Amino acid sequence: MSESNDTDKTPPAGDEAAPSGNGNNAPAEDNSGTPASGGGRILAVVALVLALLVAGGAAGGGYYLYLQLQAVERTAATRASEQSLERLSDTLTSRAQALDDRVDNLAGRTSSQSENVAQFREELANLRQDQRALAERMDHFETLAESRRFEWARSEAAYLASVALTRLNLHRDVDSALQALKEADKLLAGFGGRTVDARQGLSRAIDALLAVDRPDVGVLSERLMGLSASVDSLPLRGDRRSGETEADAQPADAVRGEGWRAAVARAWRRFKASLSELVVVHRAEDQPPLVSPEQRLFLTQNLRLQLETARAALVRGEPQLYRDSLRQAERWLREFHDTERTVVSTALQELQALRESEIRAELPDIKPMLAPLTGGGDA
């Protein structure tokens, strides 16, 4: 409003100044002299004042417009800020609503989990109560078991001791008896002074069995097998002719391997034997007849059978049958085989050594030692 007022006032001032600036009046000023020039100055001053007023009004109007523009800009900025704030408020409101929904959901879950936790706690309390009851029952059972464990162990050890006696006396099985006694001693090892007597008896019985001098059945069995394998190579009495020595009865392969000197010596012996045949001396006893292949097979198989019987008796621990079989084999060798041959005499010596070997060890009587355990007395 002030700008329009200033604008309305400015034109009259210009209209008043226009006549004073007209060229038609200039001559008049010139004509009037000094008074006319004083009026022009006044008009100039007035015009200057009016110009200043117009300039001041224009400056004030411009400043007013600037202020209005600033106000409009501030208003626009304020409105933009308000719109942004409204949008931000809407966004925050939607987020707050989502958070409220999540909080409600979490609250529901928390409530459900709280119920589950309470249920779990109740079940855990019941479980602990059941565990305490079970522990009490286990303690009760353990007490009962501990009271009877010693009796059970002593009965089991007594049974093992009886097994050891059976294996030793009926089967002469020292190894099995030792194992049974050691197991019995292990059962009684954890009961302290209540088992001292029984364990001392077991220790004496174990030491007695360990001291048994048992024959080496494996070595004796191998020696019998070696004799049985050499039966086929043992010569019979009828295999050598009259006057033939052991060297003369050697196989042709052995003769060829002797060399020319041995062959010459052999020929010389045969020559002397042929000369000795010119004089014949008849003895009272007859020469044994030649043995047929069937008879040889029969003698060989019977000798091998006696040796196998002796080996079986050795394994079973039957000394009487063992010695009878070896004695029979020795008799067959002396009766049907050529005892002048080295292999036969060596076989006879081996049979005699085997027959004199002890195959059944003297076993100790461990029953009195086990009396504290097997006699039913207090261990």
Protein backbone atom coordinates (compact mmCIF):
# COMPACT_ATOMS: atom_id res chain seq x y z
CA MET A 1 0.00 0.00 0.00
CA SER A 2 2.79 2.43 0.73
CA GLU A 3 4.38 1.64 -2.62
CA SER A 4 1.22 2.64 -4.49
CA ASN A 5 0.92 5.86 -2.52
CA ASP A 6 4.44 6.84 -3.36
CA THR A 7 3.78 6.08 -6.97
CA ASP A 8 0.66 8.29 -6.99
CA LYS A 9 2.46 11.23 -5.42
CA THR A 10 5.46 11.13 -7.75
CA PRO A 11 3.72 12.22 -11.04
CA PRO A 12 2.33 15.58 -9.64
CA ALA A 13 5.74 16.50 -8.50
CA GLY A 14 6.96 15.80 -11.99
CA ASP A 15 4.13 17.81 -13.50
CA GLU A 16 5.00 20.77 -11.35
CA ALA A 17 8.61 20.54 -12.30
CA ALA A 18 7.91 20.19 -15.97
CA PRO A 19 6.72 23.80 -16.56
CA SER A 20 9.68 25.13 -14.65
CA GLY A 21 11.92 23.28 -16.99
CA ASN A 22 10.15 24.51 -20.18
CA GLY A 23 12.27 26.30 -22.73
CA ASN A 24 9.67 29.04 -23.24
CA ASN A 25 10.30 30.37 -19.77
CA ALA A 26 14.05 30.58 -20.14
CA PRO A 27 13.97 33.90 -21.99
CA ALA A 28 11.73 35.27 -19.33
CA GLU A 29 14.24 34.36 -16.68
CA ASP A 30 16.85 35.97 -18.76
CA ASN A 31 14.65 39.01 -19.25
CA SER A 32 13.72 39.43 -15.64
CA GLY A 33 17.28 39.43 -14.37
CA THR A 34 18.34 38.35 -10.86
CA PRO A 35 14.91 37.61 -9.32
CA ALA A 36 14.13 35.08 -12.02
CA SER A 37 17.35 33.16 -11.39
CA GLY A 38 16.49 32.85 -7.70
CA GLY A 39 13.18 31.21 -8.52
CA GLY A 40 14.88 28.66 -10.76
CA ARG A 41 17.13 27.65 -7.96
CA ILE A 42 14.20 27.07 -5.74
CA LEU A 43 12.57 24.96 -8.37
CA ALA A 44 15.80 23.04 -8.83
CA VAL A 45 16.00 22.42 -5.13
CA VAL A 46 12.36 21.37 -5.09
CA ALA A 47 12.99 19.09 -8.04
CA LEU A 48 16.03 17.66 -6.30
CA VAL A 49 14.03 17.10 -3.14
CA LEU A 50 11.28 15.49 -5.13
CA ALA A 51 13.84 13.34 -6.91
CA LEU A 52 15.30 12.34 -3.59
CA LEU A 53 11.86 11.62 -2.29
CA VAL A 54 11.11 9.54 -5.39
CA ALA A 55 14.42 7.74 -5.03
CA GLY A 56 13.80 7.16 -1.34
CA GLY A 57 10.29 5.91 -2.10
CA ALA A 58 11.67 3.63 -4.80
CA ALA A 59 14.31 2.39 -2.39
CA GLY A 60 11.74 1.86 0.30
CA GLY A 61 9.45 0.11 -2.13
CA GLY A 62 12.29 -2.10 -3.31
CA TYR A 63 13.21 -2.91 0.23
CA TYR A 64 9.56 -3.59 0.95
CA LEU A 65 9.40 -5.88 -2.06
CA TYR A 66 12.59 -7.57 -0.88
CA LEU A 67 11.04 -8.09 2.52
CA GLN A 68 7.87 -9.46 0.95
CA LEU A 69 9.94 -11.79 -1.25
CA GLN A 70 11.85 -12.98 1.76
CA ALA A 71 8.60 -13.54 3.58
CA VAL A 72 7.19 -15.45 0.61
CA GLU A 73 10.33 -17.55 0.41
CA ARG A 74 10.20 -18.20 4.12
CA THR A 75 6.56 -19.10 3.78
CA ALA A 76 7.33 -21.47 0.90
CA ALA A 77 10.20 -22.99 2.80
CA THR A 78 8.01 -23.32 5.83
CA ARG A 79 5.29 -24.99 3.79
CA ALA A 80 7.88 -27.34 2.22
CA SER A 81 9.23 -28.12 5.65
CA GLU A 82 5.73 -28.71 6.92
CA GLN A 83 5.03 -31.05 3.99
CA SER A 84 8.32 -32.87 4.57
CA LEU A 85 7.53 -33.04 8.24
CA GLU A 86 4.08 -34.36 7.44
CA ARG A 87 5.57 -37.02 5.18
CA LEU A 88 8.17 -37.85 7.81
CA SER A 89 5.42 -37.95 10.39
CA ASP A 90 3.43 -40.32 8.23
CA THR A 91 6.50 -42.49 7.72
CA LEU A 92 7.25 -42.46 11.42
CA THR A 93 3.64 -43.21 12.17
CA SER A 94 3.64 -46.22 9.83
CA ARG A 95 6.92 -47.42 11.28
CA ALA A 96 5.63 -46.91 14.77
CA GLN A 97 2.57 -48.93 13.83
CA ALA A 98 4.78 -51.69 12.41
CA LEU A 99 6.87 -51.60 15.56
CA ASP A 100 3.73 -51.79 17.63
CA ASP A 101 2.64 -54.81 15.60
CA ARG A 102 6.02 -56.43 16.08
CA VAL A 103 5.98 -55.62 19.77
CA ASP A 104 2.53 -57.17 20.03
CA ASN A 105 3.77 -60.22 18.09
CA LEU A 106 6.85 -60.47 20.29
CA ALA A 107 4.73 -60.04 23.35
CA GLY A 108 2.55 -62.93 22.15
CA ARG A 109 5.57 -65.06 21.47
CA THR A 110 7.09 -64.11 24.79
CA SER A 111 3.90 -65.07 26.51
CA SER A 112 3.88 -68.40 24.66
CA GLN A 113 7.53 -68.97 25.44
CA SER A 114 6.93 -68.06 29.04
CA GLU A 115 4.23 -70.68 29.16
CA ASN A 116 6.58 -73.19 27.54
CA VAL A 117 9.34 -72.28 29.97
CA ALA A 118 6.97 -72.73 32.85
CA GLN A 119 5.93 -76.11 31.45
CA PHE A 120 9.56 -77.10 30.95
CA ARG A 121 10.40 -76.05 34.47
CA GLU A 122 7.56 -78.14 35.78
CA GLU A 123 8.69 -81.13 33.72
CA LEU A 124 12.29 -80.56 34.87
CA ALA A 125 11.17 -80.51 38.47
CA ASN A 126 9.27 -83.77 37.92
CA LEU A 127 12.31 -85.26 36.21
CA ARG A 128 14.59 -84.29 39.07
CA GLN A 129 12.14 -85.80 41.50
CA ASP A 130 12.11 -89.02 39.46
CA GLN A 131 15.92 -88.98 39.37
CA ARG A 132 16.10 -88.62 43.11
CA ALA A 133 13.69 -91.51 43.53
CA LEU A 134 15.70 -93.59 41.05
CA ALA A 135 18.95 -92.71 42.83
CA GLU A 136 17.44 -93.81 46.13
CA ARG A 137 16.37 -97.12 44.56
CA MET A 138 19.81 -97.57 43.00
CA ASP A 139 21.45 -96.93 46.36
CA HIS A 140 19.17 -99.50 47.88
CA PHE A 141 19.97 -102.04 45.17
CA GLU A 142 23.69 -101.29 45.45
CA THR A 143 23.53 -101.88 49.18
CA LEU A 144 21.81 -105.22 48.60
CA ALA A 145 24.28 -106.11 45.83
CA GLU A 146 27.27 -105.19 47.96
CA SER A 147 26.00 -107.36 50.77
CA ARG A 148 25.72 -110.32 48.41
CA ARG A 149 28.64 -109.63 46.07
CA PHE A 150 31.16 -111.28 48.34
CA GLU A 151 29.04 -114.43 48.63
CA TRP A 152 28.61 -114.54 44.86
CA ALA A 153 32.35 -114.04 44.24
CA ARG A 154 33.27 -116.75 46.73
CA SER A 155 30.79 -119.18 45.15
CA GLU A 156 32.11 -118.41 41.67
CA ALA A 157 35.71 -118.85 42.83
CA ALA A 158 34.80 -122.19 44.45
CA TYR A 159 33.24 -123.31 41.16
CA LEU A 160 36.39 -122.35 39.23
CA ALA A 161 38.51 -124.26 41.75
CA SER A 162 36.37 -127.36 41.22
CA VAL A 163 36.78 -126.93 37.46
CA ALA A 164 40.54 -126.80 37.93
CA LEU A 165 40.47 -130.02 39.96
CA THR A 166 38.38 -131.74 37.29
CA ARG A 167 40.63 -130.66 34.44
CA LEU A 168 43.73 -131.70 36.37
CA ASN A 169 42.60 -135.06 37.76
CA LEU A 170 40.46 -136.35 34.88
CA HIS A 171 42.07 -134.75 31.84
CA ARG A 172 45.55 -133.97 33.17
CA ASP A 173 45.15 -130.53 31.61
CA VAL A 174 47.56 -128.36 33.57
CA ASP A 175 47.07 -125.25 31.44
CA SER A 176 43.28 -125.19 31.88
CA ALA A 177 43.61 -125.80 35.61
CA LEU A 178 46.07 -122.90 35.92
CA GLN A 179 43.74 -120.57 34.02
CA ALA A 180 40.77 -121.47 36.23
CA LEU A 181 42.75 -120.91 39.44
CA LYS A 182 44.02 -117.53 38.22
CA GLU A 183 40.47 -116.41 37.39
CA ALA A 184 39.33 -117.49 40.86
CA ASP A 185 42.12 -115.43 42.43
CA LYS A 186 41.05 -112.36 40.42
CA LEU A 187 37.49 -112.68 41.73
CA LEU A 188 38.66 -112.68 45.35
CA ALA A 189 41.27 -109.94 44.94
CA GLY A 190 38.98 -107.05 45.88
CA PHE A 191 37.63 -108.24 49.23
CA GLY A 192 40.58 -107.62 51.51
CA GLY A 193 41.14 -109.71 54.60
CA ARG A 194 38.04 -111.86 54.17
CA THR A 195 39.72 -113.82 51.36
CA VAL A 196 43.27 -114.13 52.72
CA ASP A 197 43.07 -117.87 53.48
CA ALA A 198 41.41 -118.72 50.18
CA ARG A 199 43.87 -116.67 48.16
CA GLN A 200 46.84 -118.19 49.96
CA GLY A 201 45.57 -121.65 49.05
CA LEU A 202 45.06 -120.57 45.45
CA SER A 203 48.59 -119.16 45.35
CA ARG A 204 50.09 -122.42 46.64
CA ALA A 205 48.08 -124.45 44.10
CA ILE A 206 49.16 -122.17 41.24
CA ASP A 207 52.82 -122.43 42.29
CA ALA A 208 52.55 -126.24 42.49
CA LEU A 209 51.13 -126.43 38.95
CA LEU A 210 53.77 -124.07 37.60
CA ALA A 211 56.46 -126.33 39.08
CA VAL A 212 55.21 -129.41 37.20
CA ASP A 213 57.92 -130.76 34.89
CA ARG A 214 55.87 -131.50 31.82
CA PRO A 215 57.39 -133.45 28.90
CA ASP A 216 57.82 -131.73 25.59
CA VAL A 217 55.10 -133.57 23.74
CA GLY A 218 55.77 -131.62 20.56
CA VAL A 219 59.39 -132.74 20.28
CA LEU A 220 58.54 -136.38 21.02
CA SER A 221 55.73 -136.27 18.47
CA GLU A 222 58.10 -134.92 15.80
CA ARG A 223 60.60 -137.70 16.51
CA LEU A 224 57.87 -140.33 16.09
CA MET A 225 56.75 -138.72 12.84
CA GLY A 226 60.33 -138.82 11.56
CA LEU A 227 60.56 -142.55 12.33
CA SER A 228 57.23 -143.18 10.62
CA ALA A 229 58.42 -141.34 7.51
CA SER A 230 61.62 -143.45 7.32
CA VAL A 231 59.84 -146.84 7.53
CA ASP A 232 59.86 -147.33 3.75
CA SER A 233 63.65 -146.96 3.62
CA LEU A 234 64.37 -149.60 6.30
CA PRO A 235 65.74 -152.76 4.59
CA LEU A 236 64.26 -156.18 5.40
CA ARG A 237 66.26 -159.32 6.18
CA GLY A 238 65.62 -160.95 2.78
CA ASP A 239 66.82 -157.90 0.82
CA ARG A 240 70.54 -158.95 0.97
CA ARG A 241 72.06 -162.10 -0.48
CA SER A 242 74.30 -164.39 1.51
CA GLY A 243 77.87 -163.08 1.85
CA GLU A 244 76.90 -159.60 0.71
CA THR A 245 78.08 -156.86 2.98
CA GLU A 246 76.36 -153.54 3.65
CA ALA A 247 78.68 -151.81 1.22
CA ASP A 248 77.84 -154.39 -1.46
CA ALA A 249 74.14 -153.83 -0.95
CA GLN A 250 74.35 -150.12 -1.71
CA PRO A 251 72.22 -148.86 -4.60
CA ALA A 252 73.73 -148.37 -8.03
CA ASP A 253 73.34 -144.61 -7.77
CA ALA A 254 75.46 -144.61 -4.62
CA VAL A 255 78.09 -146.78 -6.34
CA ARG A 256 78.32 -144.42 -9.30
CA GLY A 257 78.90 -141.54 -6.94
CA GLU A 258 81.81 -143.23 -5.10
CA GLY A 259 84.52 -142.72 -7.76
CA TRP A 260 86.92 -145.12 -9.50
CA ARG A 261 88.87 -146.04 -6.37
CA ALA A 262 85.77 -147.19 -4.54
CA ALA A 263 84.71 -149.11 -7.66
CA VAL A 264 88.10 -150.93 -7.79
CA ALA A 265 87.85 -151.78 -4.11
CA ARG A 266 84.34 -153.06 -4.64
CA ALA A 267 85.44 -155.25 -7.57
CA TRP A 268 88.30 -156.66 -5.47
CA ARG A 269 85.93 -157.62 -2.69
CA ARG A 270 83.64 -159.37 -5.14
CA PHE A 271 86.63 -161.23 -6.58
CA LYS A 272 87.64 -162.47 -3.14
CA ALA A 273 84.06 -163.46 -2.46
CA SER A 274 83.93 -165.49 -5.65
CA LEU A 275 87.12 -167.30 -4.60
CA SER A 276 85.64 -168.06 -1.21
CA GLU A 277 82.67 -169.74 -2.85
CA LEU A 278 84.96 -172.58 -3.90
CA VAL A 279 84.81 -173.75 -0.31
CA VAL A 280 81.21 -173.90 0.99
CA VAL A 281 80.48 -174.13 4.67
CA HIS A 282 76.90 -175.10 5.52
CA ARG A 283 75.48 -173.57 8.67
CA ALA A 284 72.78 -175.04 10.82
CA GLU A 285 70.41 -172.13 10.29
CA ASP A 286 68.81 -171.38 6.95
CA GLN A 287 68.93 -168.01 5.22
CA PRO A 288 65.70 -166.01 5.42
CA PRO A 289 63.60 -166.28 2.29
CA LEU A 290 63.13 -163.34 -0.01
CA VAL A 291 60.20 -161.04 0.90
CA SER A 292 57.47 -160.50 -1.67
CA PRO A 293 56.15 -156.98 -2.38
CA GLU A 294 52.86 -157.84 -0.63
CA GLN A 295 54.72 -158.96 2.49
CA ARG A 296 56.90 -155.85 2.39
CA LEU A 297 53.80 -153.63 2.21
CA PHE A 298 52.21 -155.53 5.10
CA LEU A 299 55.32 -155.24 7.31
CA THR A 300 55.79 -151.56 6.47
CA GLN A 301 52.18 -150.61 7.17
CA ASN A 302 52.11 -152.54 10.46
CA LEU A 303 55.29 -150.85 11.64
CA ARG A 304 53.91 -147.44 10.69
CA LEU A 305 50.64 -148.27 12.49
CA GLN A 306 52.51 -149.05 15.72
CA LEU A 307 54.37 -145.74 15.51
CA GLU A 308 51.14 -143.79 14.88
CA THR A 309 49.50 -145.56 17.84
CA ALA A 310 52.40 -144.54 20.05
CA ARG A 311 52.07 -140.95 18.85
CA ALA A 312 48.34 -140.88 19.64
CA ALA A 313 49.01 -142.31 23.10
CA LEU A 314 51.64 -139.61 23.59
CA VAL A 315 49.15 -136.84 22.80
CA ARG A 316 46.46 -138.34 25.06
CA GLY A 317 48.91 -138.94 27.89
CA GLU A 318 48.59 -142.75 28.01
CA PRO A 319 52.06 -144.03 28.94
CA GLN A 320 51.18 -147.75 28.99
CA LEU A 321 49.83 -147.78 25.44
CA TYR A 322 52.72 -145.54 24.35
CA ARG A 323 55.38 -147.95 25.63
CA ASP A 324 53.54 -151.08 24.41
CA SER A 325 53.32 -149.65 20.87
CA LEU A 326 57.00 -148.72 20.81
CA ARG A 327 57.99 -152.11 22.22
CA GLN A 328 55.96 -153.86 19.49
CA ALA A 329 57.58 -151.68 16.80
CA GLU A 330 61.02 -152.50 18.20
CA ARG A 331 60.22 -156.25 18.16
CA TRP A 332 59.09 -156.02 14.51
CA LEU A 333 62.29 -154.23 13.54
CA ARG A 334 64.47 -156.88 15.19
CA GLU A 335 62.47 -159.76 13.71
CA PHE A 336 61.90 -158.70 10.10
CA HIS A 337 64.48 -156.03 9.30
CA ASP A 338 68.21 -156.24 8.72
CA THR A 339 69.63 -155.15 12.06
CA GLU A 340 73.16 -155.13 10.62
CA ARG A 341 72.25 -152.10 8.56
CA THR A 342 73.08 -148.73 10.09
CA VAL A 343 69.65 -147.24 9.40
CA VAL A 344 67.93 -150.12 11.19
CA SER A 345 70.23 -150.03 14.20
CA THR A 346 69.75 -146.24 14.41
CA ALA A 347 65.97 -146.69 14.29
CA LEU A 348 66.19 -149.28 17.08
CA GLN A 349 68.19 -146.87 19.25
CA GLU A 350 65.65 -144.09 18.62
CA LEU A 351 62.76 -146.40 19.54
CA GLN A 352 64.46 -147.39 22.77
CA ALA A 353 65.15 -143.75 23.69
CA LEU A 354 61.55 -142.80 22.99
CA ARG A 355 60.26 -145.75 25.01
CA GLU A 356 62.30 -144.66 28.02
CA SER A 357 61.03 -141.04 27.83
CA GLU A 358 58.44 -139.96 30.38
CA ILE A 359 55.29 -138.71 28.71
CA ARG A 360 53.11 -138.28 31.80
CA ALA A 361 54.27 -135.84 34.43
CA GLU A 362 53.64 -136.35 38.12
CA LEU A 363 50.80 -134.01 39.03
CA PRO A 364 50.56 -132.51 42.52
CA ASP A 365 47.56 -133.00 44.77
CA ILE A 366 46.13 -129.48 45.02
CA LYS A 367 42.82 -130.43 46.60
CA PRO A 368 44.00 -129.83 50.21
CA MET A 369 45.36 -126.46 49.15
CA LEU A 370 41.93 -125.44 47.87
CA ALA A 371 40.08 -126.66 50.97
CA PRO A 372 39.51 -123.12 52.38
CA LEU A 373 37.65 -122.30 49.18
CA THR A 374 35.99 -125.56 48.15
CA GLY A 375 35.37 -126.97 51.64
CA GLY A 376 32.49 -124.58 52.27
CA GLY A 377 34.31 -122.94 55.15
CA ASP A 378 34.52 -119.23 55.72
CA ALA A 379 36.89 -117.69 53.21
